[in-house]
Amino acid sequence: MLSKVVVAGGGIGGLTASIALRKVGVEVTVIEPYNVKDAKGSGIALWRNGLRVMETLGVRGRLEERGSYMPARMCYMSKSGATLAAPGDGFGKTHPILCLHRNDLAGVLKEAAV
């Protein structure tokens, strides 16, 4: 088993990897030349699988404090205009989608990774 790892990049992927590695006892050093507050980007949506990962990493609650869940009633249209899905009531409970700013996600991950 690895005991020490250097993660090149402190973005969302690098920070997530860092937290996961620390949870299994690996000593991690993250190298990132930019400040998270200066990160570019806008909104990001975490679907069910991403939320499971964040739950496992112990940061889902902090993300929920900074974001909001997408409304339950959503419709998706194909290029032809046909309805692909009309989830209706309950969609938000069975398929949660947490929307937040990318910098909020990166900030929460950074707090957990340090």
PDB file of N, CA and C in Angstrom:
ATOM      1  N   MET A   1       0.839  -1.180   0.000  1.00  0.00           N
ATOM      2  CA  MET A   1       0.000   0.000   0.000  1.00  0.00           C
ATOM      3  C   MET A   1       0.881   1.238   0.000  1.00  0.00           C
ATOM      4  N   LEU A   2       0.462   2.247  -0.767  1.00  0.00           N
ATOM      5  CA  LEU A   2       1.181   3.514  -0.787  1.00  0.00           C
ATOM      6  C   LEU A   2       1.032   4.211   0.552  1.00  0.00           C
ATOM      7  N   SER A   3       2.108   4.861   1.001  1.00  0.00           N
ATOM      8  CA  SER A   3       2.006   5.594   2.248  1.00  0.00           C
ATOM      9  C   SER A   3       2.063   7.098   2.024  1.00  0.00           C
ATOM     10  N   LYS A   4       2.653   7.528   0.885  1.00  0.00           N
ATOM     11  CA  LYS A   4       2.740   8.949   0.570  1.00  0.00           C
ATOM     12  C   LYS A   4       2.439   9.149  -0.912  1.00  0.00           C
ATOM     13  N   VAL A   5       1.645  10.198  -1.206  1.00  0.00           N
ATOM     14  CA  VAL A   5       1.275  10.512  -2.583  1.00  0.00           C
ATOM     15  C   VAL A   5       1.324  12.024  -2.768  1.00  0.00           C
ATOM     16  N   VAL A   6       1.797  12.452  -3.937  1.00  0.00           N
ATOM     17  CA  VAL A   6       1.730  13.848  -4.323  1.00  0.00           C
ATOM     18  C   VAL A   6       0.661  13.960  -5.399  1.00  0.00           C
ATOM     19  N   VAL A   7      -0.319  14.836  -5.168  1.00  0.00           N
ATOM     20  CA  VAL A   7      -1.381  15.075  -6.140  1.00  0.00           C
ATOM     21  C   VAL A   7      -1.054  16.387  -6.850  1.00  0.00           C
ATOM     22  N   ALA A   8      -0.876  16.303  -8.169  1.00  0.00           N
ATOM     23  CA  ALA A   8      -0.577  17.491  -8.974  1.00  0.00           C
ATOM     24  C   ALA A   8      -1.900  18.090  -9.441  1.00  0.00           C
ATOM     25  N   GLY A   9      -2.303  19.152  -8.777  1.00  0.00           N
ATOM     26  CA  GLY A   9      -3.538  19.831  -9.145  1.00  0.00           C
ATOM     27  C   GLY A   9      -4.513  19.858  -7.987  1.00  0.00           C
ATOM     28  N   GLY A  10      -4.864  21.052  -7.572  1.00  0.00           N
ATOM     29  CA  GLY A  10      -5.792  21.218  -6.458  1.00  0.00           C
ATOM     30  C   GLY A  10      -7.169  21.648  -6.914  1.00  0.00           C
ATOM     31  N   GLY A  11      -7.563  21.200  -8.092  1.00  0.00           N
ATOM     32  CA  GLY A  11      -8.920  21.458  -8.558  1.00  0.00           C
ATOM     33  C   GLY A  11      -9.872  20.455  -7.936  1.00  0.00           C
ATOM     34  N   ILE A  12     -11.057  20.377  -8.492  1.00  0.00           N
ATOM     35  CA  ILE A  12     -12.082  19.491  -7.940  1.00  0.00           C
ATOM     36  C   ILE A  12     -11.609  18.039  -7.913  1.00  0.00           C
ATOM     37  N   GLY A  13     -11.023  17.571  -8.982  1.00  0.00           N
ATOM     38  CA  GLY A  13     -10.550  16.184  -9.042  1.00  0.00           C
ATOM     39  C   GLY A  13      -9.406  15.897  -8.090  1.00  0.00           C
ATOM     40  N   GLY A  14      -8.421  16.789  -8.051  1.00  0.00           N
ATOM     41  CA  GLY A  14      -7.275  16.594  -7.169  1.00  0.00           C
ATOM     42  C   GLY A  14      -7.645  16.631  -5.701  1.00  0.00           C
ATOM     43  N   LEU A  15      -8.522  17.577  -5.337  1.00  0.00           N
ATOM     44  CA  LEU A  15      -8.953  17.676  -3.943  1.00  0.00           C
ATOM     45  C   LEU A  15      -9.797  16.472  -3.535  1.00  0.00           C
ATOM     46  N   THR A  16     -10.668  16.027  -4.442  1.00  0.00           N
ATOM     47  CA  THR A  16     -11.485  14.844  -4.151  1.00  0.00           C
ATOM     48  C   THR A  16     -10.598  13.622  -3.956  1.00  0.00           C
ATOM     49  N   ALA A  17      -9.615  13.452  -4.834  1.00  0.00           N
ATOM     50  CA  ALA A  17      -8.673  12.331  -4.697  1.00  0.00           C
ATOM     51  C   ALA A  17      -7.903  12.425  -3.384  1.00  0.00           C
ATOM     52  N   SER A  18      -7.489  13.632  -3.030  1.00  0.00           N
ATOM     53  CA  SER A  18      -6.745  13.839  -1.787  1.00  0.00           C
ATOM     54  C   SER A  18      -7.552  13.415  -0.564  1.00  0.00           C
ATOM     55  N   ILE A  19      -8.811  13.827  -0.516  1.00  0.00           N
ATOM     56  CA  ILE A  19      -9.672  13.462   0.624  1.00  0.00           C
ATOM     57  C   ILE A  19      -9.859  11.955   0.685  1.00  0.00           C
ATOM     58  N   ALA A  20     -10.119  11.333  -0.469  1.00  0.00           N
ATOM     59  CA  ALA A  20     -10.335   9.883  -0.508  1.00  0.00           C
ATOM     60  C   ALA A  20      -9.082   9.128  -0.075  1.00  0.00           C
ATOM     61  N   LEU A  21      -7.923   9.563  -0.529  1.00  0.00           N
ATOM     62  CA  LEU A  21      -6.669   8.901  -0.144  1.00  0.00           C
ATOM     63  C   LEU A  21      -6.403   9.045   1.355  1.00  0.00           C
ATOM     64  N   ARG A  22      -6.656  10.211   1.907  1.00  0.00           N
ATOM     65  CA  ARG A  22      -6.459  10.416   3.349  1.00  0.00           C
ATOM     66  C   ARG A  22      -7.377   9.517   4.172  1.00  0.00           C
ATOM     67  N   LYS A  23      -8.580   9.287   3.650  1.00  0.00           N
ATOM     68  CA  LYS A  23      -9.531   8.427   4.373  1.00  0.00           C
ATOM     69  C   LYS A  23      -9.026   6.990   4.502  1.00  0.00           C
ATOM     70  N   VAL A  24      -8.131   6.571   3.603  1.00  0.00           N
ATOM     71  CA  VAL A  24      -7.586   5.209   3.700  1.00  0.00           C
ATOM     72  C   VAL A  24      -6.156   5.212   4.244  1.00  0.00           C
ATOM     73  N   GLY A  25      -5.759   6.342   4.849  1.00  0.00           N
ATOM     74  CA  GLY A  25      -4.496   6.385   5.568  1.00  0.00           C
ATOM     75  C   GLY A  25      -3.270   6.806   4.784  1.00  0.00           C
ATOM     76  N   VAL A  26      -3.458   7.343   3.588  1.00  0.00           N
ATOM     77  CA  VAL A  26      -2.322   7.784   2.783  1.00  0.00           C
ATOM     78  C   VAL A  26      -1.993   9.234   3.129  1.00  0.00           C
ATOM     79  N   GLU A  27      -0.711   9.525   3.276  1.00  0.00           N
ATOM     80  CA  GLU A  27      -0.260  10.897   3.492  1.00  0.00           C
ATOM     81  C   GLU A  27      -0.235  11.591   2.129  1.00  0.00           C
ATOM     82  N   VAL A  28      -0.941  12.711   1.999  1.00  0.00           N
ATOM     83  CA  VAL A  28      -1.105  13.367   0.699  1.00  0.00           C
ATOM     84  C   VAL A  28      -0.579  14.793   0.748  1.00  0.00           C
ATOM     85  N   THR A  29       0.147  15.161  -0.309  1.00  0.00           N
ATOM     86  CA  THR A  29       0.554  16.538  -0.533  1.00  0.00           C
ATOM     87  C   THR A  29      -0.068  16.972  -1.849  1.00  0.00           C
ATOM     88  N   VAL A  30      -0.806  18.083  -1.821  1.00  0.00           N
ATOM     89  CA  VAL A  30      -1.431  18.615  -3.032  1.00  0.00           C
ATOM     90  C   VAL A  30      -0.630  19.826  -3.490  1.00  0.00           C
ATOM     91  N   ILE A  31      -0.263  19.819  -4.769  1.00  0.00           N
ATOM     92  CA  ILE A  31       0.477  20.939  -5.350  1.00  0.00           C
ATOM     93  C   ILE A  31      -0.442  21.672  -6.314  1.00  0.00           C
ATOM     94  N   GLU A  32      -0.680  22.949  -6.040  1.00  0.00           N
ATOM     95  CA  GLU A  32      -1.572  23.763  -6.883  1.00  0.00           C
ATOM     96  C   GLU A  32      -1.056  25.199  -6.887  1.00  0.00           C
ATOM     97  N   PRO A  33      -0.741  25.740  -8.059  1.00  0.00           N
ATOM     98  CA  PRO A  33      -0.201  27.100  -8.113  1.00  0.00           C
ATOM     99  C   PRO A  33      -1.238  28.213  -7.994  1.00  0.00           C
ATOM    100  N   TYR A  34      -2.519  27.908  -8.146  1.00  0.00           N
ATOM    101  CA  TYR A  34      -3.558  28.934  -8.130  1.00  0.00           C
ATOM    102  C   TYR A  34      -4.366  28.888  -6.841  1.00  0.00           C
ATOM    103  N   ASN A  35      -4.900  30.029  -6.465  1.00  0.00           N
ATOM    104  CA  ASN A  35      -5.776  30.131  -5.306  1.00  0.00           C
ATOM    105  C   ASN A  35      -7.177  29.695  -5.706  1.00  0.00           C
ATOM    106  N   VAL A  36      -7.841  28.899  -4.876  1.00  0.00           N
ATOM    107  CA  VAL A  36      -9.203  28.438  -5.167  1.00  0.00           C
ATOM    108  C   VAL A  36     -10.131  29.626  -5.410  1.00  0.00           C
ATOM    109  N   LYS A  37      -9.938  30.712  -4.680  1.00  0.00           N
ATOM    110  CA  LYS A  37     -10.809  31.880  -4.848  1.00  0.00           C
ATOM    111  C   LYS A  37     -10.676  32.500  -6.235  1.00  0.00           C
ATOM    112  N   ASP A  38      -9.552  32.270  -6.904  1.00  0.00           N
ATOM    113  CA  ASP A  38      -9.327  32.810  -8.238  1.00  0.00           C
ATOM    114  C   ASP A  38      -9.775  31.846  -9.332  1.00  0.00           C
ATOM    115  N   ALA A  39     -10.315  30.718  -8.953  1.00  0.00           N
ATOM    116  CA  ALA A  39     -10.703  29.698  -9.932  1.00  0.00           C
ATOM    117  C   ALA A  39     -11.772  30.233 -10.875  1.00  0.00           C
ATOM    118  N   LYS A  40     -11.654  29.841 -12.124  1.00  0.00           N
ATOM    119  CA  LYS A  40     -12.644  30.229 -13.127  1.00  0.00           C
ATOM    120  C   LYS A  40     -13.766  29.207 -13.139  1.00  0.00           C
ATOM    121  N   GLY A  41     -14.901  29.618 -13.609  1.00  0.00           N
ATOM    122  CA  GLY A  41     -16.021  28.696 -13.701  1.00  0.00           C
ATOM    123  C   GLY A  41     -17.276  29.326 -13.169  1.00  0.00           C
ATOM    124  N   SER A  42     -18.334  28.612 -13.307  1.00  0.00           N
ATOM    125  CA  SER A  42     -19.608  29.138 -12.831  1.00  0.00           C
ATOM    126  C   SER A  42     -20.351  28.038 -12.103  1.00  0.00           C
ATOM    127  N   GLY A  43     -21.578  27.768 -12.511  1.00  0.00           N
ATOM    128  CA  GLY A  43     -22.382  26.778 -11.817  1.00  0.00           C
ATOM    129  C   GLY A  43     -21.995  25.353 -12.155  1.00  0.00           C
ATOM    130  N   ILE A  44     -22.269  24.476 -11.229  1.00  0.00           N
ATOM    131  CA  ILE A  44     -22.019  23.047 -11.428  1.00  0.00           C
ATOM    132  C   ILE A  44     -23.171  22.288 -10.763  1.00  0.00           C
ATOM    133  N   ALA A  45     -23.531  21.173 -11.342  1.00  0.00           N
ATOM    134  CA  ALA A  45     -24.618  20.352 -10.803  1.00  0.00           C
ATOM    135  C   ALA A  45     -24.078  18.985 -10.406  1.00  0.00           C
ATOM    136  N   LEU A  46     -24.344  18.587  -9.192  1.00  0.00           N
ATOM    137  CA  LEU A  46     -23.955  17.264  -8.705  1.00  0.00           C
ATOM    138  C   LEU A  46     -25.182  16.361  -8.721  1.00  0.00           C
ATOM    139  N   TRP A  47     -25.126  15.314  -9.515  1.00  0.00           N
ATOM    140  CA  TRP A  47     -26.221  14.350  -9.597  1.00  0.00           C
ATOM    141  C   TRP A  47     -26.022  13.281  -8.533  1.00  0.00           C
ATOM    142  N   ARG A  48     -26.889  12.292  -8.531  1.00  0.00           N
ATOM    143  CA  ARG A  48     -26.931  11.276  -7.483  1.00  0.00           C
ATOM    144  C   ARG A  48     -25.571  10.617  -7.229  1.00  0.00           C
ATOM    145  N   ASN A  49     -24.871  10.197  -8.272  1.00  0.00           N
ATOM    146  CA  ASN A  49     -23.584   9.527  -8.056  1.00  0.00           C
ATOM    147  C   ASN A  49     -22.553  10.466  -7.438  1.00  0.00           C
ATOM    148  N   GLY A  50     -22.523  11.710  -7.922  1.00  0.00           N
ATOM    149  CA  GLY A  50     -21.609  12.692  -7.347  1.00  0.00           C
ATOM    150  C   GLY A  50     -21.936  12.993  -5.896  1.00  0.00           C
ATOM    151  N   LEU A  51     -23.226  13.043  -5.591  1.00  0.00           N
ATOM    152  CA  LEU A  51     -23.648  13.283  -4.209  1.00  0.00           C
ATOM    153  C   LEU A  51     -23.264  12.120  -3.301  1.00  0.00           C
ATOM    154  N   ARG A  52     -23.310  10.910  -3.833  1.00  0.00           N
ATOM    155  CA  ARG A  52     -22.876   9.745  -3.033  1.00  0.00           C
ATOM    156  C   ARG A  52     -21.398   9.854  -2.693  1.00  0.00           C
ATOM    157  N   VAL A  53     -20.610  10.284  -3.674  1.00  0.00           N
ATOM    158  CA  VAL A  53     -19.173  10.461  -3.428  1.00  0.00           C
ATOM    159  C   VAL A  53     -18.961  11.521  -2.351  1.00  0.00           C
ATOM    160  N   MET A  54     -19.663  12.640  -2.471  1.00  0.00           N
ATOM    161  CA  MET A  54     -19.507  13.714  -1.492  1.00  0.00           C
ATOM    162  C   MET A  54     -19.961  13.278  -0.101  1.00  0.00           C
ATOM    163  N   GLU A  55     -20.990  12.439  -0.044  1.00  0.00           N
ATOM    164  CA  GLU A  55     -21.444  11.872   1.237  1.00  0.00           C
ATOM    165  C   GLU A  55     -20.348  10.989   1.836  1.00  0.00           C
ATOM    166  N   THR A  56     -19.766  10.130   1.021  1.00  0.00           N
ATOM    167  CA  THR A  56     -18.691   9.242   1.471  1.00  0.00           C
ATOM    168  C   THR A  56     -17.494  10.040   1.978  1.00  0.00           C
ATOM    169  N   LEU A  57     -17.214  11.165   1.320  1.00  0.00           N
ATOM    170  CA  LEU A  57     -16.085  12.009   1.725  1.00  0.00           C
ATOM    171  C   LEU A  57     -16.415  12.875   2.932  1.00  0.00           C
ATOM    172  N   GLY A  58     -17.692  12.913   3.316  1.00  0.00           N
ATOM    173  CA  GLY A  58     -18.095  13.668   4.494  1.00  0.00           C
ATOM    174  C   GLY A  58     -18.332  15.148   4.259  1.00  0.00           C
ATOM    175  N   VAL A  59     -18.566  15.560   3.003  1.00  0.00           N
ATOM    176  CA  VAL A  59     -18.733  16.984   2.722  1.00  0.00           C
ATOM    177  C   VAL A  59     -20.113  17.342   2.154  1.00  0.00           C
ATOM    178  N   ARG A  60     -20.987  16.377   1.997  1.00  0.00           N
ATOM    179  CA  ARG A  60     -22.283  16.655   1.373  1.00  0.00           C
ATOM    180  C   ARG A  60     -23.082  17.721   2.133  1.00  0.00           C
ATOM    181  N   GLY A  61     -23.107  17.633   3.439  1.00  0.00           N
ATOM    182  CA  GLY A  61     -23.855  18.600   4.237  1.00  0.00           C
ATOM    183  C   GLY A  61     -23.360  20.017   4.028  1.00  0.00           C
ATOM    184  N   ARG A  62     -22.045  20.202   3.985  1.00  0.00           N
ATOM    185  CA  ARG A  62     -21.485  21.538   3.774  1.00  0.00           C
ATOM    186  C   ARG A  62     -21.815  22.057   2.373  1.00  0.00           C
ATOM    187  N   LEU A  63     -21.863  21.143   1.395  1.00  0.00           N
ATOM    188  CA  LEU A  63     -22.239  21.554   0.038  1.00  0.00           C
ATOM    189  C   LEU A  63     -23.710  21.949  -0.019  1.00  0.00           C
ATOM    190  N   GLU A  64     -24.552  21.205   0.685  1.00  0.00           N
ATOM    191  CA  GLU A  64     -25.977  21.521   0.707  1.00  0.00           C
ATOM    192  C   GLU A  64     -26.237  22.887   1.337  1.00  0.00           C
ATOM    193  N   GLU A  65     -25.383  23.311   2.280  1.00  0.00           N
ATOM    194  CA  GLU A  65     -25.515  24.633   2.887  1.00  0.00           C
ATOM    195  C   GLU A  65     -25.229  25.748   1.883  1.00  0.00           C
ATOM    196  N   ARG A  66     -24.420  25.449   0.875  1.00  0.00           N
ATOM    197  CA  ARG A  66     -24.006  26.475  -0.087  1.00  0.00           C
ATOM    198  C   ARG A  66     -24.779  26.429  -1.402  1.00  0.00           C
ATOM    199  N   GLY A  67     -25.476  25.340  -1.659  1.00  0.00           N
ATOM    200  CA  GLY A  67     -26.185  25.197  -2.918  1.00  0.00           C
ATOM    201  C   GLY A  67     -27.670  25.005  -2.700  1.00  0.00           C
ATOM    202  N   SER A  68     -28.341  24.621  -3.759  1.00  0.00           N
ATOM    203  CA  SER A  68     -29.765  24.320  -3.654  1.00  0.00           C
ATOM    204  C   SER A  68     -30.106  23.203  -4.624  1.00  0.00           C
ATOM    205  N   TYR A  69     -31.133  22.453  -4.268  1.00  0.00           N
ATOM    206  CA  TYR A  69     -31.551  21.349  -5.117  1.00  0.00           C
ATOM    207  C   TYR A  69     -32.429  21.852  -6.252  1.00  0.00           C
ATOM    208  N   MET A  70     -32.223  21.257  -7.417  1.00  0.00           N
ATOM    209  CA  MET A  70     -33.009  21.607  -8.592  1.00  0.00           C
ATOM    210  C   MET A  70     -34.467  21.234  -8.346  1.00  0.00           C
ATOM    211  N   PRO A  71     -35.388  22.057  -8.805  1.00  0.00           N
ATOM    212  CA  PRO A  71     -36.810  21.753  -8.607  1.00  0.00           C
ATOM    213  C   PRO A  71     -37.190  20.381  -9.169  1.00  0.00           C
ATOM    214  N   ALA A  72     -38.211  19.803  -8.580  1.00  0.00           N
ATOM    215  CA  ALA A  72     -38.626  18.452  -8.962  1.00  0.00           C
ATOM    216  C   ALA A  72     -39.192  18.378 -10.373  1.00  0.00           C
ATOM    217  N   ARG A  73     -39.846  19.427 -10.817  1.00  0.00           N
ATOM    218  CA  ARG A  73     -40.484  19.365 -12.141  1.00  0.00           C
ATOM    219  C   ARG A  73     -39.542  19.894 -13.214  1.00  0.00           C
ATOM    220  N   MET A  74     -38.995  18.986 -13.987  1.00  0.00           N
ATOM    221  CA  MET A  74     -38.090  19.323 -15.081  1.00  0.00           C
ATOM    222  C   MET A  74     -38.492  18.536 -16.322  1.00  0.00           C
ATOM    223  N   CYS A  75     -38.302  19.112 -17.475  1.00  0.00           N
ATOM    224  CA  CYS A  75     -38.544  18.412 -18.730  1.00  0.00           C
ATOM    225  C   CYS A  75     -37.297  18.516 -19.592  1.00  0.00           C
ATOM    226  N   TYR A  76     -36.974  17.461 -20.268  1.00  0.00           N
ATOM    227  CA  TYR A  76     -35.822  17.429 -21.155  1.00  0.00           C
ATOM    228  C   TYR A  76     -36.309  17.173 -22.566  1.00  0.00           C
ATOM    229  N   MET A  77     -35.865  17.981 -23.504  1.00  0.00           N
ATOM    230  CA  MET A  77     -36.323  17.838 -24.879  1.00  0.00           C
ATOM    231  C   MET A  77     -35.161  17.440 -25.789  1.00  0.00           C
ATOM    232  N   SER A  78     -35.426  16.547 -26.715  1.00  0.00           N
ATOM    233  CA  SER A  78     -34.422  16.180 -27.705  1.00  0.00           C
ATOM    234  C   SER A  78     -34.402  17.245 -28.801  1.00  0.00           C
ATOM    235  N   LYS A  79     -33.478  17.139 -29.745  1.00  0.00           N
ATOM    236  CA  LYS A  79     -33.379  18.110 -30.838  1.00  0.00           C
ATOM    237  C   LYS A  79     -34.666  18.172 -31.656  1.00  0.00           C
ATOM    238  N   SER A  80     -35.378  17.079 -31.744  1.00  0.00           N
ATOM    239  CA  SER A  80     -36.612  17.053 -32.524  1.00  0.00           C
ATOM    240  C   SER A  80     -37.779  17.707 -31.784  1.00  0.00           C
ATOM    241  N   GLY A  81     -37.607  17.981 -30.516  1.00  0.00           N
ATOM    242  CA  GLY A  81     -38.672  18.573 -29.725  1.00  0.00           C
ATOM    243  C   GLY A  81     -39.485  17.558 -28.938  1.00  0.00           C
ATOM    244  N   ALA A  82     -39.192  16.273 -29.116  1.00  0.00           N
ATOM    245  CA  ALA A  82     -39.917  15.239 -28.386  1.00  0.00           C
ATOM    246  C   ALA A  82     -39.498  15.236 -26.919  1.00  0.00           C
ATOM    247  N   THR A  83     -40.437  14.976 -26.059  1.00  0.00           N
ATOM    248  CA  THR A  83     -40.157  14.909 -24.631  1.00  0.00           C
ATOM    249  C   THR A  83     -39.396  13.620 -24.339  1.00  0.00           C
ATOM    250  N   LEU A  84     -38.239  13.772 -23.732  1.00  0.00           N
ATOM    251  CA  LEU A  84     -37.436  12.608 -23.354  1.00  0.00           C
ATOM    252  C   LEU A  84     -37.804  12.130 -21.965  1.00  0.00           C
ATOM    253  N   ALA A  85     -38.102  13.071 -21.092  1.00  0.00           N
ATOM    254  CA  ALA A  85     -38.479  12.724 -19.725  1.00  0.00           C
ATOM    255  C   ALA A  85     -39.273  13.860 -19.128  1.00  0.00           C
ATOM    256  N   ALA A  86     -40.312  13.530 -18.449  1.00  0.00           N
ATOM    257  CA  ALA A  86     -41.089  14.502 -17.690  1.00  0.00           C
ATOM    258  C   ALA A  86     -41.231  13.931 -16.286  1.00  0.00           C
ATOM    259  N   PRO A  87     -40.188  14.075 -15.469  1.00  0.00           N
ATOM    260  CA  PRO A  87     -40.142  13.395 -14.170  1.00  0.00           C
ATOM    261  C   PRO A  87     -41.335  13.618 -13.268  1.00  0.00           C
ATOM    262  N   GLY A  88     -41.881  14.826 -13.253  1.00  0.00           N
ATOM    263  CA  GLY A  88     -43.042  15.061 -12.409  1.00  0.00           C
ATOM    264  C   GLY A  88     -42.735  14.973 -10.931  1.00  0.00           C
ATOM    265  N   ASP A  89     -43.750  14.726 -10.146  1.00  0.00           N
ATOM    266  CA  ASP A  89     -43.600  14.680  -8.701  1.00  0.00           C
ATOM    267  C   ASP A  89     -42.648  13.566  -8.270  1.00  0.00           C
ATOM    268  N   GLY A  90     -41.825  13.879  -7.306  1.00  0.00           N
ATOM    269  CA  GLY A  90     -40.932  12.875  -6.756  1.00  0.00           C
ATOM    270  C   GLY A  90     -39.575  12.786  -7.415  1.00  0.00           C
ATOM    271  N   PHE A  91     -39.397  13.417  -8.561  1.00  0.00           N
ATOM    272  CA  PHE A  91     -38.110  13.311  -9.264  1.00  0.00           C
ATOM    273  C   PHE A  91     -36.967  13.826  -8.400  1.00  0.00           C
ATOM    274  N   GLY A  92     -37.191  14.939  -7.738  1.00  0.00           N
ATOM    275  CA  GLY A  92     -36.144  15.511  -6.897  1.00  0.00           C
ATOM    276  C   GLY A  92     -35.765  14.630  -5.722  1.00  0.00           C
ATOM    277  N   LYS A  93     -36.655  13.754  -5.301  1.00  0.00           N
ATOM    278  CA  LYS A  93     -36.351  12.855  -4.189  1.00  0.00           C
ATOM    279  C   LYS A  93     -35.595  11.622  -4.653  1.00  0.00           C
ATOM    280  N   THR A  94     -35.936  11.121  -5.835  1.00  0.00           N
ATOM    281  CA  THR A  94     -35.272   9.909  -6.330  1.00  0.00           C
ATOM    282  C   THR A  94     -34.033  10.226  -7.154  1.00  0.00           C
ATOM    283  N   HIS A  95     -33.954  11.411  -7.714  1.00  0.00           N
ATOM    284  CA  HIS A  95     -32.814  11.826  -8.530  1.00  0.00           C
ATOM    285  C   HIS A  95     -32.381  13.239  -8.120  1.00  0.00           C
ATOM    286  N   PRO A  96     -31.812  13.388  -6.928  1.00  0.00           N
ATOM    287  CA  PRO A  96     -31.441  14.721  -6.459  1.00  0.00           C
ATOM    288  C   PRO A  96     -30.327  15.326  -7.312  1.00  0.00           C
ATOM    289  N   ILE A  97     -30.445  16.618  -7.573  1.00  0.00           N
ATOM    290  CA  ILE A  97     -29.439  17.353  -8.332  1.00  0.00           C
ATOM    291  C   ILE A  97     -29.128  18.613  -7.536  1.00  0.00           C
ATOM    292  N   LEU A  98     -27.931  18.673  -6.972  1.00  0.00           N
ATOM    293  CA  LEU A  98     -27.522  19.818  -6.175  1.00  0.00           C
ATOM    294  C   LEU A  98     -26.763  20.794  -7.066  1.00  0.00           C
ATOM    295  N   CYS A  99     -27.227  22.030  -7.127  1.00  0.00           N
ATOM    296  CA  CYS A  99     -26.600  23.059  -7.947  1.00  0.00           C
ATOM    297  C   CYS A  99     -25.886  24.057  -7.040  1.00  0.00           C
ATOM    298  N   LEU A 100     -24.646  24.385  -7.386  1.00  0.00           N
ATOM    299  CA  LEU A 100     -23.896  25.356  -6.618  1.00  0.00           C
ATOM    300  C   LEU A 100     -22.799  25.944  -7.482  1.00  0.00           C
ATOM    301  N   HIS A 101     -22.163  26.990  -6.997  1.00  0.00           N
ATOM    302  CA  HIS A 101     -21.070  27.606  -7.731  1.00  0.00           C
ATOM    303  C   HIS A 101     -19.835  26.731  -7.629  1.00  0.00           C
ATOM    304  N   ARG A 102     -19.090  26.659  -8.713  1.00  0.00           N
ATOM    305  CA  ARG A 102     -17.880  25.837  -8.750  1.00  0.00           C
ATOM    306  C   ARG A 102     -16.918  26.206  -7.624  1.00  0.00           C
ATOM    307  N   ASN A 103     -16.769  27.505  -7.346  1.00  0.00           N
ATOM    308  CA  ASN A 103     -15.856  27.920  -6.281  1.00  0.00           C
ATOM    309  C   ASN A 103     -16.315  27.460  -4.906  1.00  0.00           C
ATOM    310  N   ASP A 104     -17.638  27.345  -4.708  1.00  0.00           N
ATOM    311  CA  ASP A 104     -18.144  26.816  -3.440  1.00  0.00           C
ATOM    312  C   ASP A 104     -17.770  25.349  -3.289  1.00  0.00           C
ATOM    313  N   LEU A 105     -17.917  24.577  -4.373  1.00  0.00           N
ATOM    314  CA  LEU A 105     -17.524  23.163  -4.341  1.00  0.00           C
ATOM    315  C   LEU A 105     -16.035  23.038  -4.062  1.00  0.00           C
ATOM    316  N   ALA A 106     -15.223  23.790  -4.796  1.00  0.00           N
ATOM    317  CA  ALA A 106     -13.769  23.737  -4.607  1.00  0.00           C
ATOM    318  C   ALA A 106     -13.377  24.181  -3.193  1.00  0.00           C
ATOM    319  N   GLY A 107     -14.052  25.202  -2.661  1.00  0.00           N
ATOM    320  CA  GLY A 107     -13.734  25.681  -1.312  1.00  0.00           C
ATOM    321  C   GLY A 107     -14.036  24.647  -0.236  1.00  0.00           C
ATOM    322  N   VAL A 108     -15.181  23.986  -0.357  1.00  0.00           N
ATOM    323  CA  VAL A 108     -15.537  22.943   0.617  1.00  0.00           C
ATOM    324  C   VAL A 108     -14.545  21.792   0.527  1.00  0.00           C
ATOM    325  N   LEU A 109     -14.189  21.391  -0.677  1.00  0.00           N
ATOM    326  CA  LEU A 109     -13.211  20.314  -0.845  1.00  0.00           C
ATOM    327  C   LEU A 109     -11.853  20.714  -0.288  1.00  0.00           C
ATOM    328  N   LYS A 110     -11.466  21.957  -0.518  1.00  0.00           N
ATOM    329  CA  LYS A 110     -10.182  22.420   0.007  1.00  0.00           C
ATOM    330  C   LYS A 110     -10.167  22.384   1.534  1.00  0.00           C
ATOM    331  N   GLU A 111     -11.251  22.851   2.167  1.00  0.00           N
ATOM    332  CA  GLU A 111     -11.343  22.804   3.626  1.00  0.00           C
ATOM    333  C   GLU A 111     -11.196  21.375   4.147  1.00  0.00           C
ATOM    334  N   ALA A 112     -11.832  20.428   3.462  1.00  0.00           N
ATOM    335  CA  ALA A 112     -11.784  19.033   3.890  1.00  0.00           C
ATOM    336  C   ALA A 112     -10.443  18.386   3.612  1.00  0.00           C
ATOM    337  N   ALA A 113      -9.745  18.880   2.596  1.00  0.00           N
ATOM    338  CA  ALA A 113      -8.476  18.259   2.193  1.00  0.00           C
ATOM    339  C   ALA A 113      -7.305  18.730   3.026  1.00  0.00           C
ATOM    340  N   VAL A 114      -7.456  19.854   3.693  1.00  0.00           N
ATOM    341  CA  VAL A 114      -6.337  20.440   4.453  1.00  0.00           C
ATOM    342  C   VAL A 114      -6.291  19.890   5.860  1.00  0.00           C
TER     343      VAL A 114
END
